């Protein structure tokens, strides 16, 4: 439905993923929400990229393999399922904080308060 894809586009923009892994994670997260399913094949992920007006990674299979290696999800019976770490990435780590790294800000704060 068009309103679902409008919401998906807004969500994608809000999360501002930059890497291929992040983009696929955000897409799978939103697809799960929209379809009430948790695993998607490459064609479904490709269609989601297309519906969002974005280019699908050239080797989506490799991206999904990389994500599995990083513990962001896994592929079973040809379908990719976002795992706990992938969900955490979308819910808590995106969008990335703008500006300095948090650790640098803490160090700066400590130095400036001496």
Protein backbone atom coordinates (compact mmCIF):
# COMPACT_ATOMS: atom_id res chain seq x y z
CA UNK A 1 0.00 0.00 0.00
CA UNK A 2 1.24 3.49 -0.86
CA UNK A 3 0.92 4.89 2.66
CA UNK A 4 3.02 1.96 3.94
CA UNK A 5 5.79 2.78 1.47
CA UNK A 6 5.54 6.48 2.33
CA UNK A 7 6.04 5.51 6.00
CA UNK A 8 8.93 3.22 4.99
CA UNK A 9 10.60 6.05 3.04
CA UNK A 10 10.22 8.37 6.04
CA UNK A 11 11.62 5.69 8.38
CA UNK A 12 14.57 5.05 6.06
CA UNK A 13 15.31 8.79 5.88
CA UNK A 14 15.06 9.12 9.65
CA UNK A 15 17.47 6.21 10.26
CA UNK A 16 19.91 7.53 7.61
CA UNK A 17 21.79 4.26 7.01
CA UNK A 18 25.08 4.75 5.16
CA UNK A 19 26.59 1.28 4.60
CA UNK A 20 25.02 -1.53 2.61
CA UNK A 21 24.65 -3.58 5.80
CA UNK A 22 22.81 -0.72 7.51
CA UNK A 23 20.53 -0.17 4.50
CA UNK A 24 19.57 -3.85 4.32
CA UNK A 25 19.04 -3.95 8.11
CA UNK A 26 16.68 -0.95 7.99
CA UNK A 27 14.79 -2.43 5.03
CA UNK A 28 14.40 -5.85 6.70
CA UNK A 29 13.32 -4.21 9.96
CA UNK A 30 10.62 -2.18 8.21
CA UNK A 31 9.54 -5.10 6.01
CA UNK A 32 9.03 -7.21 9.14
CA UNK A 33 6.88 -4.46 10.63
CA UNK A 34 4.80 -4.02 7.46
CA UNK A 35 4.33 -7.71 6.59
CA UNK A 36 4.24 -9.24 10.10
CA UNK A 37 6.88 -11.71 8.84
CA UNK A 38 10.49 -11.98 9.93
CA UNK A 39 12.38 -13.45 6.96
CA UNK A 40 12.69 -12.26 3.36
CA UNK A 41 14.24 -13.60 0.18
CA UNK A 42 16.49 -11.58 -2.10
CA UNK A 43 13.64 -10.69 -4.46
CA UNK A 44 11.60 -9.20 -1.62
CA UNK A 45 14.57 -7.17 -0.38
CA UNK A 46 15.30 -6.03 -3.96
CA UNK A 47 11.66 -4.97 -4.41
CA UNK A 48 11.84 -2.99 -1.17
CA UNK A 49 14.96 -1.15 -2.41
CA UNK A 50 13.12 -0.44 -5.67
CA UNK A 51 9.98 0.80 -3.89
CA UNK A 52 12.16 3.11 -1.79
CA UNK A 53 13.68 4.48 -5.00
CA UNK A 54 17.11 3.12 -4.14
CA UNK A 55 19.67 0.98 -5.94
CA UNK A 56 19.93 -2.60 -4.67
CA UNK A 57 23.49 -3.59 -3.70
CA UNK A 58 25.21 -5.21 -6.70
CA UNK A 59 25.79 -8.43 -4.79
CA UNK A 60 22.94 -8.62 -2.31
CA UNK A 61 23.86 -12.23 -1.53
CA UNK A 62 27.33 -11.12 -0.42
CA UNK A 63 25.88 -8.33 1.72
CA UNK A 64 23.55 -10.83 3.44
CA UNK A 65 26.53 -13.17 3.96
CA UNK A 66 28.56 -10.31 5.48
CA UNK A 67 25.67 -9.43 7.77
CA UNK A 68 25.44 -13.05 8.93
CA UNK A 69 29.20 -13.11 9.60
CA UNK A 70 28.84 -9.95 11.71
CA UNK A 71 25.95 -11.50 13.65
CA UNK A 72 23.37 -9.04 12.31
CA UNK A 73 21.11 -11.80 11.03
CA UNK A 74 21.10 -15.16 9.28
CA UNK A 75 19.89 -16.87 6.14
CA UNK A 76 17.81 -20.01 6.40
CA UNK A 77 16.13 -21.76 3.46
CA UNK A 78 17.00 -18.82 1.20
CA UNK A 79 15.46 -16.18 3.43
CA UNK A 80 17.30 -13.58 5.48
CA UNK A 81 16.13 -12.85 9.01
CA UNK A 82 17.41 -9.84 10.92
CA UNK A 83 18.79 -11.00 14.26
CA UNK A 84 18.98 -9.38 17.69
CA UNK A 85 22.14 -7.41 16.85
CA UNK A 86 20.64 -6.23 13.56
CA UNK A 87 17.48 -5.10 15.33
CA UNK A 88 19.56 -3.30 17.96
CA UNK A 89 21.50 -1.56 15.19
CA UNK A 90 18.30 -0.18 13.68
CA UNK A 91 16.57 0.67 16.97
CA UNK A 92 19.49 2.16 18.90
CA UNK A 93 22.54 2.89 16.71
CA UNK A 94 20.82 4.64 13.79
CA UNK A 95 20.86 7.39 12.93
CA UNK A 96 24.52 7.70 13.79
CA UNK A 97 25.31 10.48 16.21
CA UNK A 98 26.44 13.60 14.43
CA UNK A 99 29.65 15.32 15.40
CA UNK A 100 32.38 13.92 17.58
CA UNK A 101 32.69 10.41 18.85
CA UNK A 102 31.15 10.11 22.36
CA UNK A 103 34.48 8.98 23.81
CA UNK A 104 36.20 12.08 22.48
CA UNK A 105 33.51 14.29 24.01
CA UNK A 106 33.99 12.61 27.41
CA UNK A 107 37.76 13.06 27.22
CA UNK A 108 37.33 16.69 26.21
CA UNK A 109 34.91 17.24 29.09
CA UNK A 110 37.34 15.75 31.61
CA UNK A 111 40.27 17.79 30.28
CA UNK A 112 38.26 21.02 30.18
CA UNK A 113 37.06 20.60 33.77
CA UNK A 114 40.58 20.17 35.24
